[in-house]
């Protein structure tokens, strides 16, 4: 790699670092327009939650990019940029041009996706409420009608979502049970 190519990559990394730091400082805030979430549909609450989680994930990704960029700039200052940190071979300029933060050759790049790590929410959430669950104190609880018990206190269903007393709907439900 020539001095001119190294300078070009350093300038590119510096510009990238400045851009990333600026974007992290100006985070989008997704404020809800509601004064209270008391009467909101669960879908609205889910949308707000999704927007928050997406914003956090994007910020985390940008912070990881900042760390990678700083590591590459530190390698330039140390004089080790362009050399694989694992095997010591020279990293081809084409790879560095395509991915300036690369500190390893393609043979030692982490190319395996992490398929074993699951979200922590899965440890808490259960998929179904119609299956008995064993509590920590060895009691077996049956949550068969837990949704119905909760829905008795109210839901976001409108009148069109509730079964009516008319004969057609009753016949429809009877046919479904059969």
C-alpha atoms as a PDB file:
ATOM      1  CA  UNK A   1       0.000   0.000   0.000  1.00  0.00           C
ATOM      2  CA  UNK A   2       1.382   3.381  -0.970  1.00  0.00           C
ATOM      3  CA  UNK A   3       1.541   6.448   1.260  1.00  0.00           C
ATOM      4  CA  UNK A   4      -1.079   8.137  -0.906  1.00  0.00           C
ATOM      5  CA  UNK A   5      -3.469   5.189  -0.499  1.00  0.00           C
ATOM      6  CA  UNK A   6      -2.853   5.161   3.265  1.00  0.00           C
ATOM      7  CA  UNK A   7      -3.575   8.899   3.463  1.00  0.00           C
ATOM      8  CA  UNK A   8      -6.770   8.436   1.432  1.00  0.00           C
ATOM      9  CA  UNK A   9      -7.964   5.655   3.777  1.00  0.00           C
ATOM     10  CA  UNK A  10      -7.058   7.707   6.867  1.00  0.00           C
ATOM     11  CA  UNK A  11      -9.044  10.676   5.521  1.00  0.00           C
ATOM     12  CA  UNK A  12     -11.967   8.385   4.755  1.00  0.00           C
ATOM     13  CA  UNK A  13     -11.851   6.911   8.284  1.00  0.00           C
ATOM     14  CA  UNK A  14     -11.642  10.366   9.855  1.00  0.00           C
ATOM     15  CA  UNK A  15     -14.639  11.593   7.855  1.00  0.00           C
ATOM     16  CA  UNK A  16     -16.538   8.429   8.760  1.00  0.00           C
ATOM     17  CA  UNK A  17     -15.752   8.904  12.474  1.00  0.00           C
ATOM     18  CA  UNK A  18     -16.927  12.530  12.427  1.00  0.00           C
ATOM     19  CA  UNK A  19     -20.134  11.572  10.615  1.00  0.00           C
ATOM     20  CA  UNK A  20     -20.888   8.716  13.014  1.00  0.00           C
ATOM     21  CA  UNK A  21     -20.263  10.822  16.109  1.00  0.00           C
ATOM     22  CA  UNK A  22     -22.532  13.547  14.742  1.00  0.00           C
ATOM     23  CA  UNK A  23     -25.309  11.027  14.036  1.00  0.00           C
ATOM     24  CA  UNK A  24     -25.041   9.520  17.512  1.00  0.00           C
ATOM     25  CA  UNK A  25     -25.385  12.984  19.068  1.00  0.00           C
ATOM     26  CA  UNK A  26     -28.546  13.732  17.072  1.00  0.00           C
ATOM     27  CA  UNK A  27     -30.727  10.806  17.982  1.00  0.00           C
ATOM     28  CA  UNK A  28     -34.309  10.765  16.828  1.00  0.00           C
ATOM     29  CA  UNK A  29     -36.796  10.736  19.638  1.00  0.00           C
ATOM     30  CA  UNK A  30     -40.115   9.100  18.946  1.00  0.00           C
ATOM     31  CA  UNK A  31     -42.447  10.828  21.341  1.00  0.00           C
ATOM     32  CA  UNK A  32     -45.942   9.622  21.652  1.00  0.00           C
ATOM     33  CA  UNK A  33     -48.602  12.199  20.936  1.00  0.00           C
ATOM     34  CA  UNK A  34     -50.875  10.848  23.643  1.00  0.00           C
ATOM     35  CA  UNK A  35     -51.164  12.430  27.065  1.00  0.00           C
ATOM     36  CA  UNK A  36     -52.039   9.064  28.574  1.00  0.00           C
ATOM     37  CA  UNK A  37     -51.599   5.484  27.446  1.00  0.00           C
ATOM     38  CA  UNK A  38     -54.679   4.445  29.412  1.00  0.00           C
ATOM     39  CA  UNK A  39     -57.041   4.250  26.453  1.00  0.00           C
ATOM     40  CA  UNK A  40     -54.568   3.388  23.713  1.00  0.00           C
ATOM     41  CA  UNK A  41     -54.973   0.335  21.567  1.00  0.00           C
ATOM     42  CA  UNK A  42     -52.279  -2.272  22.292  1.00  0.00           C
ATOM     43  CA  UNK A  43     -51.079  -1.885  18.699  1.00  0.00           C
ATOM     44  CA  UNK A  44     -50.227   1.774  19.362  1.00  0.00           C
ATOM     45  CA  UNK A  45     -48.201   0.839  22.418  1.00  0.00           C
ATOM     46  CA  UNK A  46     -46.434  -1.877  20.417  1.00  0.00           C
ATOM     47  CA  UNK A  47     -45.562   0.619  17.680  1.00  0.00           C
ATOM     48  CA  UNK A  48     -44.096   3.024  20.232  1.00  0.00           C
ATOM     49  CA  UNK A  49     -42.081   0.200  21.792  1.00  0.00           C
ATOM     50  CA  UNK A  50     -40.831  -0.957  18.388  1.00  0.00           C
ATOM     51  CA  UNK A  51     -39.728   2.581  17.494  1.00  0.00           C
ATOM     52  CA  UNK A  52     -37.797   2.864  20.765  1.00  0.00           C
ATOM     53  CA  UNK A  53     -36.121  -0.529  20.310  1.00  0.00           C
ATOM     54  CA  UNK A  54     -35.204   0.257  16.714  1.00  0.00           C
ATOM     55  CA  UNK A  55     -33.657   3.559  17.786  1.00  0.00           C
ATOM     56  CA  UNK A  56     -31.639   1.812  20.489  1.00  0.00           C
ATOM     57  CA  UNK A  57     -30.426  -0.849  18.039  1.00  0.00           C
ATOM     58  CA  UNK A  58     -29.360   1.771  15.495  1.00  0.00           C
ATOM     59  CA  UNK A  59     -27.509   3.725  18.182  1.00  0.00           C
ATOM     60  CA  UNK A  60     -25.764   0.563  19.375  1.00  0.00           C
ATOM     61  CA  UNK A  61     -24.733  -0.258  15.794  1.00  0.00           C
ATOM     62  CA  UNK A  62     -23.346   3.268  15.313  1.00  0.00           C
ATOM     63  CA  UNK A  63     -21.383   3.023  18.557  1.00  0.00           C
ATOM     64  CA  UNK A  64     -19.850  -0.276  17.404  1.00  0.00           C
ATOM     65  CA  UNK A  65     -18.922   1.379  14.100  1.00  0.00           C
ATOM     66  CA  UNK A  66     -17.288   4.234  16.026  1.00  0.00           C
ATOM     67  CA  UNK A  67     -15.217   1.739  18.038  1.00  0.00           C
ATOM     68  CA  UNK A  68     -14.124  -0.064  14.841  1.00  0.00           C
ATOM     69  CA  UNK A  69     -13.214   3.236  13.176  1.00  0.00           C
ATOM     70  CA  UNK A  70     -11.202   4.391  16.193  1.00  0.00           C
ATOM     71  CA  UNK A  71      -9.370   1.050  16.270  1.00  0.00           C
ATOM     72  CA  UNK A  72      -8.466   1.402  12.582  1.00  0.00           C
ATOM     73  CA  UNK A  73      -7.222   4.984  13.116  1.00  0.00           C
ATOM     74  CA  UNK A  74      -5.177   3.796  16.114  1.00  0.00           C
ATOM     75  CA  UNK A  75      -3.641   1.064  13.926  1.00  0.00           C
ATOM     76  CA  UNK A  76      -2.688   3.718  11.360  1.00  0.00           C
ATOM     77  CA  UNK A  77      -0.992   5.763  14.087  1.00  0.00           C
ATOM     78  CA  UNK A  78       0.792   2.654  15.401  1.00  0.00           C
ATOM     79  CA  UNK A  79       1.918   1.701  11.897  1.00  0.00           C
ATOM     80  CA  UNK A  80       0.171  -1.691  11.937  1.00  0.00           C
ATOM     81  CA  UNK A  81      -2.734  -0.770   9.635  1.00  0.00           C
ATOM     82  CA  UNK A  82      -2.955  -3.026   6.606  1.00  0.00           C
ATOM     83  CA  UNK A  83      -1.500  -6.031   8.438  1.00  0.00           C
ATOM     84  CA  UNK A  84      -3.732  -8.836   9.714  1.00  0.00           C
ATOM     85  CA  UNK A  85      -3.847  -8.842  13.507  1.00  0.00           C
ATOM     86  CA  UNK A  86      -4.161 -12.654  13.550  1.00  0.00           C
ATOM     87  CA  UNK A  87      -1.654 -13.989  11.012  1.00  0.00           C
ATOM     88  CA  UNK A  88       0.448 -10.895  10.240  1.00  0.00           C
ATOM     89  CA  UNK A  89      -0.089 -11.087   6.472  1.00  0.00           C
ATOM     90  CA  UNK A  90      -0.700  -7.953   4.464  1.00  0.00           C
ATOM     91  CA  UNK A  91      -4.370  -7.120   3.928  1.00  0.00           C
ATOM     92  CA  UNK A  92      -5.075  -6.451   0.226  1.00  0.00           C
ATOM     93  CA  UNK A  93      -5.774  -2.798  -0.565  1.00  0.00           C
ATOM     94  CA  UNK A  94      -9.036  -3.760  -2.289  1.00  0.00           C
ATOM     95  CA  UNK A  95     -10.352  -5.140   1.029  1.00  0.00           C
ATOM     96  CA  UNK A  96      -9.292  -2.003   2.892  1.00  0.00           C
ATOM     97  CA  UNK A  97     -10.839   0.181   0.220  1.00  0.00           C
ATOM     98  CA  UNK A  98     -14.148  -1.696   0.513  1.00  0.00           C
ATOM     99  CA  UNK A  99     -14.001  -1.920   4.317  1.00  0.00           C
ATOM    100  CA  UNK A 100     -11.537   0.586   5.791  1.00  0.00           C
ATOM    101  CA  UNK A 101     -12.135  -0.624   9.356  1.00  0.00           C
ATOM    102  CA  UNK A 102     -10.876  -4.136   8.543  1.00  0.00           C
ATOM    103  CA  UNK A 103      -8.000  -5.224  10.789  1.00  0.00           C
ATOM    104  CA  UNK A 104      -7.893  -8.843   9.613  1.00  0.00           C
ATOM    105  CA  UNK A 105      -7.470 -10.545   6.285  1.00  0.00           C
ATOM    106  CA  UNK A 106     -10.512 -12.203   4.733  1.00  0.00           C
ATOM    107  CA  UNK A 107      -9.396 -15.629   6.002  1.00  0.00           C
ATOM    108  CA  UNK A 108      -9.583 -14.454   9.623  1.00  0.00           C
ATOM    109  CA  UNK A 109     -12.651 -12.236   9.344  1.00  0.00           C
ATOM    110  CA  UNK A 110     -15.572 -13.233  11.541  1.00  0.00           C
ATOM    111  CA  UNK A 111     -17.925 -14.550   8.880  1.00  0.00           C
ATOM    112  CA  UNK A 112     -20.099 -16.834  11.006  1.00  0.00           C
ATOM    113  CA  UNK A 113     -23.413 -15.354  12.137  1.00  0.00           C
ATOM    114  CA  UNK A 114     -24.294 -15.837  15.792  1.00  0.00           C
ATOM    115  CA  UNK A 115     -27.216 -18.242  15.644  1.00  0.00           C
ATOM    116  CA  UNK A 116     -27.045 -19.423  19.246  1.00  0.00           C
ATOM    117  CA  UNK A 117     -27.724 -16.233  21.184  1.00  0.00           C
ATOM    118  CA  UNK A 118     -31.396 -15.636  21.768  1.00  0.00           C
ATOM    119  CA  UNK A 119     -33.081 -12.445  23.004  1.00  0.00           C
ATOM    120  CA  UNK A 120     -33.365 -12.252  26.789  1.00  0.00           C
ATOM    121  CA  UNK A 121     -37.122 -11.751  26.493  1.00  0.00           C
ATOM    122  CA  UNK A 122     -37.500 -15.414  25.571  1.00  0.00           C
ATOM    123  CA  UNK A 123     -36.411 -16.414  29.069  1.00  0.00           C
ATOM    124  CA  UNK A 124     -39.399 -14.599  30.539  1.00  0.00           C
ATOM    125  CA  UNK A 125     -42.143 -14.902  27.956  1.00  0.00           C
ATOM    126  CA  UNK A 126     -44.109 -18.076  27.496  1.00  0.00           C
ATOM    127  CA  UNK A 127     -45.595 -18.924  24.140  1.00  0.00           C
ATOM    128  CA  UNK A 128     -48.986 -20.199  25.263  1.00  0.00           C
ATOM    129  CA  UNK A 129     -51.359 -19.675  28.144  1.00  0.00           C
ATOM    130  CA  UNK A 130     -53.235 -22.910  27.577  1.00  0.00           C
ATOM    131  CA  UNK A 131     -50.512 -25.180  28.933  1.00  0.00           C
ATOM    132  CA  UNK A 132     -49.864 -25.840  32.621  1.00  0.00           C
ATOM    133  CA  UNK A 133     -46.786 -24.165  34.032  1.00  0.00           C
ATOM    134  CA  UNK A 134     -44.765 -25.425  36.969  1.00  0.00           C
ATOM    135  CA  UNK A 135     -43.902 -22.656  39.416  1.00  0.00           C
ATOM    136  CA  UNK A 136     -40.633 -22.412  41.281  1.00  0.00           C
ATOM    137  CA  UNK A 137     -42.251 -23.841  44.411  1.00  0.00           C
ATOM    138  CA  UNK A 138     -43.290 -27.010  42.481  1.00  0.00           C
ATOM    139  CA  UNK A 139     -46.979 -26.111  42.275  1.00  0.00           C
ATOM    140  CA  UNK A 140     -48.624 -26.792  38.953  1.00  0.00           C
ATOM    141  CA  UNK A 141     -50.773 -23.924  37.709  1.00  0.00           C
ATOM    142  CA  UNK A 142     -53.247 -24.213  34.905  1.00  0.00           C
ATOM    143  CA  UNK A 143     -53.648 -20.991  32.924  1.00  0.00           C
ATOM    144  CA  UNK A 144     -56.212 -22.432  30.527  1.00  0.00           C
ATOM    145  CA  UNK A 145     -58.652 -19.545  30.715  1.00  0.00           C
ATOM    146  CA  UNK A 146     -56.249 -16.817  31.812  1.00  0.00           C
ATOM    147  CA  UNK A 147     -56.895 -14.694  28.728  1.00  0.00           C
ATOM    148  CA  UNK A 148     -60.636 -14.921  29.224  1.00  0.00           C
ATOM    149  CA  UNK A 149     -60.215 -13.930  32.876  1.00  0.00           C
ATOM    150  CA  UNK A 150     -58.246 -10.850  31.870  1.00  0.00           C
ATOM    151  CA  UNK A 151     -60.610  -9.966  29.029  1.00  0.00           C
ATOM    152  CA  UNK A 152     -63.528  -9.945  31.475  1.00  0.00           C
ATOM    153  CA  UNK A 153     -62.056  -6.713  32.871  1.00  0.00           C
ATOM    154  CA  UNK A 154     -62.153  -5.103  29.432  1.00  0.00           C
ATOM    155  CA  UNK A 155     -60.347  -5.075  26.138  1.00  0.00           C
ATOM    156  CA  UNK A 156     -59.788  -2.879  23.120  1.00  0.00           C
ATOM    157  CA  UNK A 157     -62.295  -4.865  21.066  1.00  0.00           C
ATOM    158  CA  UNK A 158     -65.055  -2.865  19.472  1.00  0.00           C
ATOM    159  CA  UNK A 159     -68.710  -3.925  19.238  1.00  0.00           C
ATOM    160  CA  UNK A 160     -68.035  -5.560  15.872  1.00  0.00           C
ATOM    161  CA  UNK A 161     -65.466  -7.844  17.525  1.00  0.00           C
ATOM    162  CA  UNK A 162     -67.896  -9.152  20.149  1.00  0.00           C
ATOM    163  CA  UNK A 163     -70.159 -12.101  19.348  1.00  0.00           C
ATOM    164  CA  UNK A 164     -73.748 -10.935  18.913  1.00  0.00           C
ATOM    165  CA  UNK A 165     -77.034 -12.481  19.883  1.00  0.00           C
ATOM    166  CA  UNK A 166     -78.355 -12.714  16.353  1.00  0.00           C
ATOM    167  CA  UNK A 167     -79.179 -16.132  14.963  1.00  0.00           C
ATOM    168  CA  UNK A 168     -76.691 -16.029  12.051  1.00  0.00           C
ATOM    169  CA  UNK A 169     -73.720 -15.504  14.351  1.00  0.00           C
ATOM    170  CA  UNK A 170     -74.920 -18.213  16.697  1.00  0.00           C
ATOM    171  CA  UNK A 171     -75.276 -20.645  13.785  1.00  0.00           C
ATOM    172  CA  UNK A 172     -71.793 -19.665  12.598  1.00  0.00           C
ATOM    173  CA  UNK A 173     -70.261 -20.393  15.985  1.00  0.00           C
ATOM    174  CA  UNK A 174     -72.159 -23.656  16.296  1.00  0.00           C
ATOM    175  CA  UNK A 175     -70.890 -24.758  12.876  1.00  0.00           C
ATOM    176  CA  UNK A 176     -67.335 -23.920  13.873  1.00  0.00           C
ATOM    177  CA  UNK A 177     -67.531 -26.029  17.027  1.00  0.00           C
ATOM    178  CA  UNK A 178     -68.801 -29.041  15.113  1.00  0.00           C
END
